[in-house]
C-alpha atoms as a PDB file:
ATOM      1  CA  MET A   1     128.806  16.301  -6.669  1.00  0.00           C
ATOM      2  CA  VAL A   2     128.889  12.785  -5.206  1.00  0.00           C
ATOM      3  CA  TYR A   3     132.445  13.461  -3.997  1.00  0.00           C
ATOM      4  CA  VAL A   4     131.282  16.554  -2.064  1.00  0.00           C
ATOM      5  CA  ARG A   5     128.450  14.578  -0.460  1.00  0.00           C
ATOM      6  CA  VAL A   6     130.858  11.852   0.626  1.00  0.00           C
ATOM      7  CA  ILE A   7     133.212  14.424   2.174  1.00  0.00           C
ATOM      8  CA  ILE A   8     130.320  16.110   3.995  1.00  0.00           C
ATOM      9  CA  LEU A   9     129.111  12.722   5.255  1.00  0.00           C
ATOM     10  CA  LEU A  10     132.616  11.787   6.467  1.00  0.00           C
ATOM     11  CA  MET A  11     133.024  15.152   8.210  1.00  0.00           C
ATOM     12  CA  THR A  12     129.641  14.725   9.908  1.00  0.00           C
ATOM     13  CA  ILE A  13     130.582  11.246  11.120  1.00  0.00           C
ATOM     14  CA  HIS A  14     133.954  12.549  12.379  1.00  0.00           C
ATOM     15  CA  LEU A  15     132.337  15.458  14.227  1.00  0.00           C
ATOM     16  CA  HIS A  16     129.784  13.098  15.778  1.00  0.00           C
ATOM     17  CA  SER A  17     132.557  10.798  17.026  1.00  0.00           C
ATOM     18  CA  ILE A  18     134.464  13.768  18.486  1.00  0.00           C
ATOM     19  CA  CYS A  19     131.331  14.989  20.296  1.00  0.00           C
ATOM     20  CA  LYS A  20     130.589  11.475  21.552  1.00  0.00           C
ATOM     21  CA  GLY A  21     134.197  11.111  22.757  1.00  0.00           C
ATOM     22  CA  GLN A  22     134.029  14.480  24.515  1.00  0.00           C
ATOM     23  CA  SER A  23     130.774  13.476  26.183  1.00  0.00           C
ATOM     24  CA  ILE A  24     132.369  10.238  27.429  1.00  0.00           C
ATOM     25  CA  ILE A  25     135.286  12.244  28.832  1.00  0.00           C
ATOM     26  CA  ASN A  26     133.015  14.746  30.594  1.00  0.00           C
ATOM     27  CA  GLU A  27     130.810  11.995  32.034  1.00  0.00           C
ATOM     28  CA  GLY A  28     133.848  10.002  33.148  1.00  0.00           C
ATOM     29  CA  LEU A  29     135.403  13.025  34.804  1.00  0.00           C
ATOM     30  CA  GLU A  30     132.188  13.881  36.605  1.00  0.00           C
ATOM     31  CA  ALA A  31     131.667  10.296  37.782  1.00  0.00           C
ATOM     32  CA  CYS A  32     135.258  10.036  39.027  1.00  0.00           C
ATOM     33  CA  VAL A  33     135.008  13.254  41.022  1.00  0.00           C
ATOM     34  CA  GLU A  34     131.664  12.275  42.538  1.00  0.00           C
ATOM     35  CA  HIS A  35     132.974   8.807  43.418  1.00  0.00           C
ATOM     36  CA  ARG A  36     136.170  10.114  45.040  1.00  0.00           C
ATOM     37  CA  THR A  37     134.493  12.879  47.028  1.00  0.00           C
ATOM     38  CA  VAL A  38     131.181  11.379  48.173  1.00  0.00           C
ATOM     39  CA  GLU A  39     132.675  10.024  51.406  1.00  0.00           C
ATOM     40  CA  ILE A  40     134.148  13.428  52.262  1.00  0.00           C
ATOM     41  CA  PHE A  41     130.693  15.003  52.123  1.00  0.00           C
ATOM     42  CA  LYS A  42     129.171  12.149  54.125  1.00  0.00           C
ATOM     43  CA  ASP A  43     131.879  12.518  56.793  1.00  0.00           C
ATOM     44  CA  VAL A  44     131.324  16.272  57.018  1.00  0.00           C
ATOM     45  CA  TYR A  45     127.541  16.521  56.559  1.00  0.00           C
ATOM     46  CA  GLY A  46     126.315  13.113  57.720  1.00  0.00           C
ATOM     47  CA  GLU A  47     125.651   9.754  56.120  1.00  0.00           C
ATOM     48  CA  ASN A  48     122.364  10.904  54.526  1.00  0.00           C
ATOM     49  CA  SER A  49     123.840  14.014  52.968  1.00  0.00           C
ATOM     50  CA  GLN A  50     122.866  14.703  49.375  1.00  0.00           C
ATOM     51  CA  MET A  51     125.627  17.310  49.058  1.00  0.00           C
ATOM     52  CA  GLY A  52     128.269  16.640  46.440  1.00  0.00           C
ATOM     53  CA  VAL A  53     131.090  18.586  44.913  1.00  0.00           C
ATOM     54  CA  TYR A  54     129.022  19.875  41.987  1.00  0.00           C
ATOM     55  CA  GLU A  55     126.154  20.928  44.247  1.00  0.00           C
ATOM     56  CA  MET A  56     128.667  22.712  46.467  1.00  0.00           C
ATOM     57  CA  ALA A  57     130.305  24.395  43.464  1.00  0.00           C
ATOM     58  CA  SER A  58     126.886  25.542  42.193  1.00  0.00           C
ATOM     59  CA  LEU A  59     126.026  27.004  45.598  1.00  0.00           C
ATOM     60  CA  VAL A  60     129.354  28.835  45.838  1.00  0.00           C
ATOM     61  CA  GLU A  61     129.059  30.082  42.263  1.00  0.00           C
ATOM     62  CA  GLY A  62     125.559  31.348  43.090  1.00  0.00           C
ATOM     63  CA  GLU A  63     126.922  33.063  46.188  1.00  0.00           C
ATOM     64  CA  PHE A  64     129.675  34.732  44.153  1.00  0.00           C
ATOM     65  CA  LYS A  65     126.974  35.968  41.762  1.00  0.00           C
ATOM     66  CA  SER A  66     124.545  37.156  44.449  1.00  0.00           C
ATOM     67  CA  GLU A  67     127.337  39.033  46.235  1.00  0.00           C
ATOM     68  CA  GLY A  68     128.288  40.721  42.949  1.00  0.00           C
ATOM     69  CA  PHE A  69     131.712  39.069  42.667  1.00  0.00           C
ATOM     70  CA  LEU A  70     130.781  37.135  39.531  1.00  0.00           C
ATOM     71  CA  ASN A  71     128.473  38.242  36.727  1.00  0.00           C
ATOM     72  CA  ASN A  72     128.486  35.234  34.403  1.00  0.00           C
ATOM     73  CA  VAL A  73     130.253  31.907  34.172  1.00  0.00           C
ATOM     74  CA  THR A  74     132.701  32.781  31.424  1.00  0.00           C
ATOM     75  CA  LYS A  75     136.461  32.423  31.685  1.00  0.00           C
ATOM     76  CA  GLU A  76     136.764  36.201  31.526  1.00  0.00           C
ATOM     77  CA  ASP A  77     134.463  36.644  34.527  1.00  0.00           C
ATOM     78  CA  TYR A  78     136.312  33.959  36.483  1.00  0.00           C
ATOM     79  CA  LEU A  79     139.655  35.602  35.704  1.00  0.00           C
ATOM     80  CA  ARG A  80     138.262  38.852  37.127  1.00  0.00           C
ATOM     81  CA  LEU A  81     137.039  36.909  40.165  1.00  0.00           C
ATOM     82  CA  VAL A  82     140.548  35.496  40.705  1.00  0.00           C
ATOM     83  CA  GLU A  83     142.015  39.004  40.579  1.00  0.00           C
ATOM     84  CA  TYR A  84     139.391  40.225  43.045  1.00  0.00           C
ATOM     85  CA  ILE A  85     139.810  37.325  45.473  1.00  0.00           C
ATOM     86  CA  TYR A  86     143.587  37.622  45.556  1.00  0.00           C
ATOM     87  CA  SER A  87     143.356  41.399  46.073  1.00  0.00           C
ATOM     88  CA  ASN A  88     140.378  41.644  48.460  1.00  0.00           C
ATOM     89  CA  LYS A  89     140.595  38.611  50.718  1.00  0.00           C
ATOM     90  CA  ARG A  90     138.702  40.197  53.587  1.00  0.00           C
ATOM     91  CA  SER A  91     135.602  40.615  51.420  1.00  0.00           C
ATOM     92  CA  PHE A  92     134.881  36.903  51.788  1.00  0.00           C
ATOM     93  CA  TYR A  93     135.704  36.433  55.466  1.00  0.00           C
ATOM     94  CA  GLU A  94     132.199  37.313  56.684  1.00  0.00           C
ATOM     95  CA  ASN A  95     130.394  35.082  54.162  1.00  0.00           C
ATOM     96  CA  ASP A  96     129.269  31.990  56.086  1.00  0.00           C
ATOM     97  CA  LEU A  97     128.653  29.797  53.030  1.00  0.00           C
ATOM     98  CA  ILE A  98     132.062  30.511  51.541  1.00  0.00           C
ATOM     99  CA  ARG A  99     133.748  30.004  54.911  1.00  0.00           C
ATOM    100  CA  GLU A 100     131.931  26.711  55.425  1.00  0.00           C
ATOM    101  CA  PHE A 101     132.871  25.281  52.047  1.00  0.00           C
ATOM    102  CA  SER A 102     136.390  26.691  52.116  1.00  0.00           C
ATOM    103  CA  GLY A 103     136.890  24.565  55.226  1.00  0.00           C
ATOM    104  CA  ILE A 104     136.533  21.313  53.274  1.00  0.00           C
ATOM    105  CA  SER A 105     138.281  22.433  50.085  1.00  0.00           C
ATOM    106  CA  GLY A 106     141.587  20.969  51.212  1.00  0.00           C
ATOM    107  CA  LEU A 107     139.950  17.541  51.395  1.00  0.00           C
ATOM    108  CA  LEU A 108     138.671  17.864  47.818  1.00  0.00           C
ATOM    109  CA  ILE A 109     141.455  19.576  45.935  1.00  0.00           C
ATOM    110  CA  THR A 110     143.674  16.618  45.034  1.00  0.00           C
ATOM    111  CA  SER A 111     140.801  14.480  43.744  1.00  0.00           C
ATOM    112  CA  ILE A 112     139.150  17.183  41.673  1.00  0.00           C
ATOM    113  CA  VAL A 113     142.236  19.003  40.356  1.00  0.00           C
ATOM    114  CA  ILE A 114     144.759  16.181  39.849  1.00  0.00           C
ATOM    115  CA  ASP A 115     143.633  12.588  40.469  1.00  0.00           C
ATOM    116  CA  CYS A 116     140.453  12.435  38.376  1.00  0.00           C
ATOM    117  CA  PRO A 117     141.763  14.437  35.401  1.00  0.00           C
ATOM    118  CA  TYR A 118     144.830  12.149  35.384  1.00  0.00           C
ATOM    119  CA  GLU A 119     142.665   9.025  35.546  1.00  0.00           C
ATOM    120  CA  ILE A 120     140.542  10.188  32.609  1.00  0.00           C
ATOM    121  CA  VAL A 121     143.544  11.275  30.518  1.00  0.00           C
ATOM    122  CA  VAL A 122     145.093   7.820  30.958  1.00  0.00           C
ATOM    123  CA  LYS A 123     141.837   5.912  30.471  1.00  0.00           C
ATOM    124  CA  GLU A 124     140.498   7.902  27.500  1.00  0.00           C
ATOM    125  CA  ARG A 125     143.767   8.944  25.824  1.00  0.00           C
ATOM    126  CA  ASN A 126     142.536   7.791  22.410  1.00  0.00           C
ATOM    127  CA  LYS A 127     139.414   9.954  22.644  1.00  0.00           C
ATOM    128  CA  LEU A 128     140.944  13.114  24.062  1.00  0.00           C
ATOM    129  CA  ASN A 129     140.001  16.257  22.238  1.00  0.00           C
ATOM    130  CA  SER A 130     139.555  18.589  25.161  1.00  0.00           C
ATOM    131  CA  SER A 131     141.481  20.942  27.347  1.00  0.00           C
ATOM    132  CA  LEU A 132     141.828  18.244  29.993  1.00  0.00           C
ATOM    133  CA  VAL A 133     145.454  17.442  29.097  1.00  0.00           C
ATOM    134  CA  LEU A 134     146.491  21.104  29.369  1.00  0.00           C
ATOM    135  CA  GLN A 135     144.410  21.487  32.529  1.00  0.00           C
ATOM    136  CA  LEU A 136     146.239  18.532  34.073  1.00  0.00           C
ATOM    137  CA  SER A 137     149.607  19.937  33.018  1.00  0.00           C
ATOM    138  CA  ASN A 138     148.733  23.302  34.564  1.00  0.00           C
ATOM    139  CA  ALA A 139     147.555  21.545  37.742  1.00  0.00           C
ATOM    140  CA  SER A 140     151.114  20.405  38.446  1.00  0.00           C
ATOM    141  CA  GLU A 141     152.372  23.983  38.117  1.00  0.00           C
ATOM    142  CA  LEU A 142     149.479  25.166  40.249  1.00  0.00           C
ATOM    143  CA  GLN A 143     150.272  22.740  43.042  1.00  0.00           C
ATOM    144  CA  ALA A 144     154.012  23.471  42.893  1.00  0.00           C
ATOM    145  CA  SER A 145     153.339  27.200  43.208  1.00  0.00           C
ATOM    146  CA  GLY A 146     151.199  26.803  46.308  1.00  0.00           C
ATOM    147  CA  TYR A 147     148.127  27.951  44.350  1.00  0.00           C
ATOM    148  CA  GLU A 148     149.525  31.393  43.595  1.00  0.00           C
ATOM    149  CA  LYS A 149     147.407  33.798  41.559  1.00  0.00           C
ATOM    150  CA  GLU A 150     149.390  33.531  38.302  1.00  0.00           C
ATOM    151  CA  ALA A 151     149.235  29.727  38.378  1.00  0.00           C
ATOM    152  CA  VAL A 152     145.452  29.886  38.956  1.00  0.00           C
ATOM    153  CA  ILE A 153     145.163  32.215  35.955  1.00  0.00           C
ATOM    154  CA  ASP A 154     147.243  29.821  33.823  1.00  0.00           C
ATOM    155  CA  TYR A 155     145.037  26.945  34.980  1.00  0.00           C
ATOM    156  CA  ILE A 156     141.878  28.791  33.903  1.00  0.00           C
ATOM    157  CA  ASP A 157     143.481  29.897  30.634  1.00  0.00           C
ATOM    158  CA  GLY A 158     144.211  26.243  29.858  1.00  0.00           C
ATOM    159  CA  ILE A 159     140.517  25.385  29.808  1.00  0.00           C
ATOM    160  CA  ASP A 160     138.749  25.762  26.484  1.00  0.00           C
ATOM    161  CA  GLU A 161     135.828  28.228  26.570  1.00  0.00           C
ATOM    162  CA  ILE A 162     133.343  25.528  25.590  1.00  0.00           C
ATOM    163  CA  ASP A 163     134.638  23.205  28.305  1.00  0.00           C
ATOM    164  CA  PHE A 164     134.582  26.069  30.802  1.00  0.00           C
ATOM    165  CA  SER A 165     130.843  26.463  30.226  1.00  0.00           C
ATOM    166  CA  ARG A 166     130.422  23.056  31.939  1.00  0.00           C
ATOM    167  CA  MET A 167     130.416  22.802  35.725  1.00  0.00           C
ATOM    168  CA  VAL A 168     132.705  19.762  35.559  1.00  0.00           C
ATOM    169  CA  TYR A 169     135.489  22.163  34.446  1.00  0.00           C
ATOM    170  CA  ARG A 170     134.517  25.158  36.629  1.00  0.00           C
ATOM    171  CA  ALA A 171     134.170  23.139  39.854  1.00  0.00           C
ATOM    172  CA  PRO A 172     137.945  22.599  40.174  1.00  0.00           C
ATOM    173  CA  VAL A 173     138.457  26.355  39.804  1.00  0.00           C
ATOM    174  CA  ILE A 174     135.904  26.991  42.546  1.00  0.00           C
ATOM    175  CA  VAL A 175     137.602  24.448  44.822  1.00  0.00           C
ATOM    176  CA  ILE A 176     140.993  26.074  44.120  1.00  0.00           C
ATOM    177  CA  LEU A 177     139.599  29.499  45.058  1.00  0.00           C
ATOM    178  CA  LEU A 178     137.978  28.071  48.199  1.00  0.00           C
ATOM    179  CA  PHE A 179     141.276  26.408  49.120  1.00  0.00           C
ATOM    180  CA  HIS A 180     143.070  29.743  48.763  1.00  0.00           C
ATOM    181  CA  LEU A 181     140.432  31.461  50.888  1.00  0.00           C
ATOM    182  CA  GLU A 182     140.611  28.710  53.519  1.00  0.00           C
ATOM    183  CA  ASN A 183     144.327  29.409  53.914  1.00  0.00           C
ATOM    184  CA  VAL A 184     143.647  33.138  54.125  1.00  0.00           C
ATOM    185  CA  PHE A 185     140.891  32.613  56.711  1.00  0.00           C
ATOM    186  CA  ARG A 186     143.213  30.424  58.778  1.00  0.00           C
ATOM    187  CA  ASP A 187     145.826  33.192  58.707  1.00  0.00           C
ATOM    188  CA  PHE A 188     143.195  35.732  59.811  1.00  0.00           C
ATOM    189  CA  SER A 189     142.121  33.452  62.681  1.00  0.00           C
ATOM    190  CA  GLU A 190     145.695  32.869  63.825  1.00  0.00           C
ATOM    191  CA  LEU A 191     146.281  36.605  63.881  1.00  0.00           C
ATOM    192  CA  GLY A 192     143.014  37.149  65.760  1.00  0.00           C
ATOM    193  CA  GLU A 193     141.728  39.371  62.940  1.00  0.00           C
ATOM    194  CA  LYS A 194     138.259  39.638  61.573  1.00  0.00           C
END
């Protein structure tokens, strides 16, 4: 009986340390992204801007929901959104908010998709128990592919469902989708299409 209590106590302590380590990773990732992108938002929206990457991602996610492109914030819903975006590019061309934020996505993508995850993986390697390592690995494939649909799907698939419920893990996906749309919008503009 004492043996069982000791095992339960040790398991509880281990789970607590894993959760604490995961929290440190999430907080570190969020702080890195905010730090690396704050100047971009100030340059675009003015020195007094309160806009940040997570505020932008929340606004875009809300827009995707209000337009009926996204029902919930699950991986499954985002995978459907990816399929829709890559198949129906024109659907987003008239949306001012999405066009506005897609215009700065290229300035954000390296920091949020590659640099900060890499920094946290190196810094917190002893505490890693998240999908961040796989996400970083998939980011290289994503970049090499030119952000093709299948690579975006692999990137999303590499994020654990629990992690995906946090904006710190969904924001890079939103920036990737905005970056894709920005390239599409540029192509439409060059062709004189609407």
